[in-house]
Amino acid sequence: PVWKESFGQVSSFAMSMGIPVVGYKVGGLEEIVDDDELLAAAGDIDRLANIIIKLLDDREMRHRIGEKNRLRAESLFPVEQMIKKYDLLYRSIIDERK
């Protein structure tokens, strides 16, 4: 479970592997996961535990969420797009220093 994260790079990597991601509604996680059923209010450990237990008890649900996550990550957070944006960022920094 994610408890503190800004963008959620680890979350998007897990999603791209078809892994269900749960956590607290912190940082960018709510936007990344886009499923209130998988998120608990910050500090609500009981809700978070219940979400995790429900997933552990339901293999079909895990696979369904995992596949949804994989498709979401592929469409919104592809590695190629990340590389292109890092390249643009680094080039702009280098150009500013010239």
C-alpha atoms as a PDB file:
ATOM      1  CA  PRO A   1       0.000   0.000   0.000  1.00  0.00           C
ATOM      2  CA  VAL A   2       1.101   3.507  -0.803  1.00  0.00           C
ATOM      3  CA  TRP A   3       1.132   5.895   2.158  1.00  0.00           C
ATOM      4  CA  LYS A   4       3.196   8.816   0.870  1.00  0.00           C
ATOM      5  CA  GLU A   5       4.070   9.636  -2.695  1.00  0.00           C
ATOM      6  CA  SER A   6       4.020  12.661  -4.976  1.00  0.00           C
ATOM      7  CA  PHE A   7       3.448  11.499  -8.560  1.00  0.00           C
ATOM      8  CA  GLY A   8       3.307   7.795  -7.823  1.00  0.00           C
ATOM      9  CA  GLN A   9       5.991   6.388 -10.083  1.00  0.00           C
ATOM     10  CA  VAL A  10       6.068   3.100  -8.174  1.00  0.00           C
ATOM     11  CA  SER A  11       2.286   2.898  -8.448  1.00  0.00           C
ATOM     12  CA  SER A  12       2.281   3.367 -12.216  1.00  0.00           C
ATOM     13  CA  PHE A  13       5.059   0.769 -12.574  1.00  0.00           C
ATOM     14  CA  ALA A  14       3.015  -1.737 -10.534  1.00  0.00           C
ATOM     15  CA  MET A  15      -0.081  -0.935 -12.564  1.00  0.00           C
ATOM     16  CA  SER A  16       1.805  -1.566 -15.813  1.00  0.00           C
ATOM     17  CA  MET A  17       2.602  -5.034 -14.451  1.00  0.00           C
ATOM     18  CA  GLY A  18      -1.103  -5.717 -13.814  1.00  0.00           C
ATOM     19  CA  ILE A  19      -0.822  -5.420 -10.052  1.00  0.00           C
ATOM     20  CA  PRO A  20      -3.681  -3.912  -8.038  1.00  0.00           C
ATOM     21  CA  VAL A  21      -2.573  -0.743  -6.260  1.00  0.00           C
ATOM     22  CA  VAL A  22      -4.165   0.367  -3.002  1.00  0.00           C
ATOM     23  CA  GLY A  23      -3.240   3.146  -0.635  1.00  0.00           C
ATOM     24  CA  TYR A  24      -4.222   6.376   0.968  1.00  0.00           C
ATOM     25  CA  LYS A  25      -5.659   9.330  -0.932  1.00  0.00           C
ATOM     26  CA  VAL A  26      -2.374  11.243  -0.862  1.00  0.00           C
ATOM     27  CA  GLY A  27      -0.273  12.985  -3.482  1.00  0.00           C
ATOM     28  CA  GLY A  28      -1.174  12.049  -7.023  1.00  0.00           C
ATOM     29  CA  LEU A  29      -2.331   8.534  -6.164  1.00  0.00           C
ATOM     30  CA  GLU A  30      -6.024   9.321  -6.410  1.00  0.00           C
ATOM     31  CA  GLU A  31      -5.579  10.553  -9.982  1.00  0.00           C
ATOM     32  CA  ILE A  32      -3.300   7.658 -10.933  1.00  0.00           C
ATOM     33  CA  VAL A  33      -5.468   4.858  -9.538  1.00  0.00           C
ATOM     34  CA  ASP A  34      -8.803   6.529 -10.376  1.00  0.00           C
ATOM     35  CA  ASP A  35     -10.818   4.114  -8.211  1.00  0.00           C
ATOM     36  CA  ASP A  36     -12.167   5.202  -4.818  1.00  0.00           C
ATOM     37  CA  GLU A  37     -12.773   1.558  -3.879  1.00  0.00           C
ATOM     38  CA  LEU A  38      -8.996   1.072  -3.725  1.00  0.00           C
ATOM     39  CA  LEU A  39      -8.169   4.164  -1.687  1.00  0.00           C
ATOM     40  CA  ALA A  40      -8.669   5.092   1.954  1.00  0.00           C
ATOM     41  CA  ALA A  41      -8.608   8.498   3.565  1.00  0.00           C
ATOM     42  CA  ALA A  42      -5.136   9.400   4.800  1.00  0.00           C
ATOM     43  CA  GLY A  43      -4.543   7.637   8.118  1.00  0.00           C
ATOM     44  CA  ASP A  44      -7.655   5.406   7.945  1.00  0.00           C
ATOM     45  CA  ILE A  45      -5.767   2.184   8.595  1.00  0.00           C
ATOM     46  CA  ASP A  46      -8.940   0.159   9.164  1.00  0.00           C
ATOM     47  CA  ARG A  47     -10.351   1.081   5.745  1.00  0.00           C
ATOM     48  CA  LEU A  48      -7.013   0.391   4.071  1.00  0.00           C
ATOM     49  CA  ALA A  49      -6.741  -2.995   5.801  1.00  0.00           C
ATOM     50  CA  ASN A  50     -10.273  -3.902   4.703  1.00  0.00           C
ATOM     51  CA  ILE A  51      -9.478  -3.019   1.090  1.00  0.00           C
ATOM     52  CA  ILE A  52      -6.367  -5.217   1.179  1.00  0.00           C
ATOM     53  CA  ILE A  53      -8.170  -8.140   2.846  1.00  0.00           C
ATOM     54  CA  LYS A  54     -10.983  -7.954   0.289  1.00  0.00           C
ATOM     55  CA  LEU A  55      -8.435  -8.157  -2.537  1.00  0.00           C
ATOM     56  CA  LEU A  56      -6.559 -11.026  -0.904  1.00  0.00           C
ATOM     57  CA  ASP A  57      -9.823 -12.940  -0.561  1.00  0.00           C
ATOM     58  CA  ASP A  58     -10.974 -12.394  -4.156  1.00  0.00           C
ATOM     59  CA  ARG A  59      -8.593 -13.652  -6.844  1.00  0.00           C
ATOM     60  CA  GLU A  60     -10.968 -12.759  -9.681  1.00  0.00           C
ATOM     61  CA  MET A  61     -11.229  -9.171  -8.424  1.00  0.00           C
ATOM     62  CA  ARG A  62      -7.426  -8.906  -8.215  1.00  0.00           C
ATOM     63  CA  HIS A  63      -7.077 -10.046 -11.805  1.00  0.00           C
ATOM     64  CA  ARG A  64      -9.863  -7.756 -13.050  1.00  0.00           C
ATOM     65  CA  ILE A  65      -8.342  -4.728 -11.291  1.00  0.00           C
ATOM     66  CA  GLY A  66      -4.857  -5.741 -12.409  1.00  0.00           C
ATOM     67  CA  GLU A  67      -5.915  -5.835 -16.051  1.00  0.00           C
ATOM     68  CA  LYS A  68      -7.730  -2.498 -15.736  1.00  0.00           C
ATOM     69  CA  ASN A  69      -4.585  -1.035 -14.143  1.00  0.00           C
ATOM     70  CA  ARG A  70      -2.355  -2.402 -16.889  1.00  0.00           C
ATOM     71  CA  LEU A  71      -4.479  -0.841 -19.619  1.00  0.00           C
ATOM     72  CA  ARG A  72      -4.680   2.478 -17.734  1.00  0.00           C
ATOM     73  CA  ALA A  73      -0.916   2.598 -17.188  1.00  0.00           C
ATOM     74  CA  GLU A  74      -0.184   1.735 -20.821  1.00  0.00           C
ATOM     75  CA  SER A  75      -2.471   4.490 -22.079  1.00  0.00           C
ATOM     76  CA  LEU A  76      -1.500   7.224 -19.591  1.00  0.00           C
ATOM     77  CA  PHE A  77       2.051   6.461 -18.461  1.00  0.00           C
ATOM     78  CA  PRO A  78       3.948   4.721 -21.280  1.00  0.00           C
ATOM     79  CA  VAL A  79       7.713   4.474 -20.805  1.00  0.00           C
ATOM     80  CA  GLU A  80       8.315   5.946 -24.258  1.00  0.00           C
ATOM     81  CA  GLN A  81       6.394   9.085 -23.308  1.00  0.00           C
ATOM     82  CA  MET A  82       8.347   9.371 -20.063  1.00  0.00           C
ATOM     83  CA  ILE A  83      11.664   9.082 -21.938  1.00  0.00           C
ATOM     84  CA  LYS A  84      10.592  11.714 -24.461  1.00  0.00           C
ATOM     85  CA  LYS A  85       9.550  14.140 -21.727  1.00  0.00           C
ATOM     86  CA  TYR A  86      12.767  13.625 -19.755  1.00  0.00           C
ATOM     87  CA  ASP A  87      14.720  14.252 -22.963  1.00  0.00           C
ATOM     88  CA  LEU A  88      12.837  17.511 -23.564  1.00  0.00           C
ATOM     89  CA  LEU A  89      13.359  18.585 -19.961  1.00  0.00           C
ATOM     90  CA  TYR A  90      17.090  17.866 -19.988  1.00  0.00           C
ATOM     91  CA  ARG A  91      17.545  19.583 -23.356  1.00  0.00           C
ATOM     92  CA  SER A  92      15.760  22.704 -22.076  1.00  0.00           C
ATOM     93  CA  ILE A  93      18.002  22.786 -18.994  1.00  0.00           C
ATOM     94  CA  ILE A  94      21.132  22.351 -21.114  1.00  0.00           C
ATOM     95  CA  ASP A  95      19.974  25.044 -23.557  1.00  0.00           C
ATOM     96  CA  GLU A  96      19.373  27.485 -20.667  1.00  0.00           C
ATOM     97  CA  ARG A  97      22.940  26.982 -19.436  1.00  0.00           C
ATOM     98  CA  LYS A  98      24.556  27.655 -22.817  1.00  0.00           C
END
